[in-house]
Structures are given as C-alpha cells and as structure tokens.
Protein backbone atom coordinates (compact mmCIF):
# COMPACT_ATOMS: atom_id res chain seq x y z
CA PRO A 1 39.48 -45.75 -23.33
CA ILE A 2 36.07 -46.80 -22.06
CA ILE A 3 33.85 -44.83 -19.68
CA LEU A 4 31.54 -46.56 -17.22
CA ALA A 5 28.68 -44.38 -16.01
CA PRO A 6 25.32 -44.88 -14.35
CA THR A 7 22.24 -44.98 -16.52
CA LEU A 8 20.01 -43.41 -13.87
CA ASP A 9 20.85 -40.81 -11.26
CA ALA A 10 18.91 -42.65 -8.55
CA GLY A 11 17.52 -46.08 -7.89
CA PRO A 12 14.84 -47.76 -9.94
CA ILE A 13 11.80 -45.77 -11.03
CA LYS A 14 8.53 -47.66 -10.73
CA TRP A 15 6.22 -47.17 -13.69
CA ASP A 16 3.32 -46.59 -11.28
CA ASP A 17 5.24 -43.69 -9.70
CA ILE A 18 5.38 -41.71 -12.96
CA THR A 19 2.44 -39.34 -12.97
CA ALA A 20 1.35 -36.38 -15.08
CA GLU A 21 2.74 -34.09 -12.37
CA ASN A 22 6.24 -35.61 -12.30
CA THR A 23 6.64 -36.73 -15.90
CA ALA A 24 9.22 -34.02 -16.68
CA ASP A 25 11.31 -34.95 -13.62
CA SER A 26 11.09 -38.65 -14.45
CA ALA A 27 12.07 -38.03 -18.06
CA ALA A 28 14.99 -35.87 -16.98
CA SER A 29 16.16 -38.62 -14.64
CA LEU A 30 16.01 -41.14 -17.47
CA ARG A 31 17.96 -38.88 -19.87
CA ARG A 32 20.50 -37.18 -17.63
CA TRP A 33 23.26 -39.75 -18.01
CA THR A 34 22.45 -41.06 -21.49
CA GLU A 35 21.55 -38.03 -23.58
CA PRO A 36 24.98 -36.33 -23.66
CA PHE A 37 26.60 -39.35 -25.29
CA ASN A 38 23.72 -39.80 -27.73
CA VAL A 39 24.01 -36.16 -28.81
CA LEU A 40 27.79 -36.44 -29.20
CA GLY A 41 27.44 -39.61 -31.26
CA TRP A 42 29.53 -41.67 -28.85
CA PRO A 43 28.64 -45.37 -28.86
CA ALA A 44 27.07 -46.47 -25.59
CA ILE A 45 25.18 -49.47 -24.33
CA THR A 46 23.30 -49.97 -21.08
CA ILE A 47 23.68 -53.18 -19.12
CA PRO A 48 20.85 -53.91 -16.70
CA LEU A 49 22.02 -55.03 -13.30
CA ARG A 50 20.30 -57.97 -11.73
CA THR A 51 17.71 -56.92 -9.22
CA THR A 52 14.73 -58.41 -7.45
CA GLU A 53 12.62 -55.43 -8.59
CA THR A 54 10.78 -56.38 -11.76
CA LYS A 55 8.11 -53.68 -11.97
CA GLY A 56 10.29 -50.61 -12.52
CA VAL A 57 13.17 -49.35 -14.57
CA GLY A 58 16.05 -51.22 -12.95
CA ASP A 59 19.52 -50.12 -12.01
CA ALA A 60 21.94 -50.23 -14.90
CA VAL A 61 25.42 -49.17 -15.99
CA GLN A 62 26.49 -47.68 -19.31
CA VAL A 63 29.57 -48.63 -21.26
CA ILE A 64 30.64 -45.66 -23.38
CA GLY A 65 33.38 -45.27 -25.96
CA LYS A 66 34.70 -42.69 -28.38
CA PRO A 67 33.22 -42.47 -31.89
CA GLY A 68 34.30 -45.45 -33.93
CA GLN A 69 34.74 -47.73 -30.89
CA ASP A 70 31.40 -49.48 -31.31
CA LEU A 71 32.86 -52.99 -31.35
CA THR A 72 35.05 -52.25 -28.32
CA VAL A 73 32.01 -50.99 -26.40
CA LEU A 74 30.07 -54.14 -27.28
CA ARG A 75 33.00 -56.39 -26.33
CA VAL A 76 33.46 -54.69 -22.95
CA ALA A 77 29.71 -54.79 -22.30
CA ARG A 78 29.64 -58.51 -23.05
CA GLU A 79 32.57 -59.10 -20.67
CA ILE A 80 30.89 -57.11 -17.88
CA GLN A 81 27.58 -58.88 -18.41
CA ALA A 82 29.32 -62.26 -18.16
CA LEU A 83 30.58 -61.24 -14.70
CA LEU A 84 27.10 -60.37 -13.41
C-alpha cells in the first residue's frame, strides 16, 4: 500500500515571509507532514505540483510506502509526475 499525503499543511510559504519571529512556526509547517515518516524510516518522496508561484516553497504531495518499498514509491511517484 502507498500513502499520499500533503507535504505542507498550508499553501506555499514565500521565503521573504520567513522572519526571525516566525521561524519556528515556518519550520514546524515544513516538517509536520514529512518528519513522522523520516523518523519511522518509511521511504517517501515529495513531488512538486506545478504552480505559477516561483518565489516560495510550492505546493507538493508526498508518496509514502512501508519500509522496503523504496522502488515502489519511486515508481508511483514517477507515474504521478507523468500525469501532472
């Protein structure tokens, strides 16, 4: 089985919007959906979605699999990317 999950919990974050005051919140937003799978050792890859915004961290989707399913994750990610 493959899990599809967002990479970010909101829309794109513009680099210029990350300040000393909100760095912790921005970092948490960037890690919230990715860190659990990294800690568990589950293979995951993020596919950027096409967007007209080029100055920020764009919308993206993760393809996640169980340990040992690295090639399956890459194959599914390649198939999804071909559809975009």
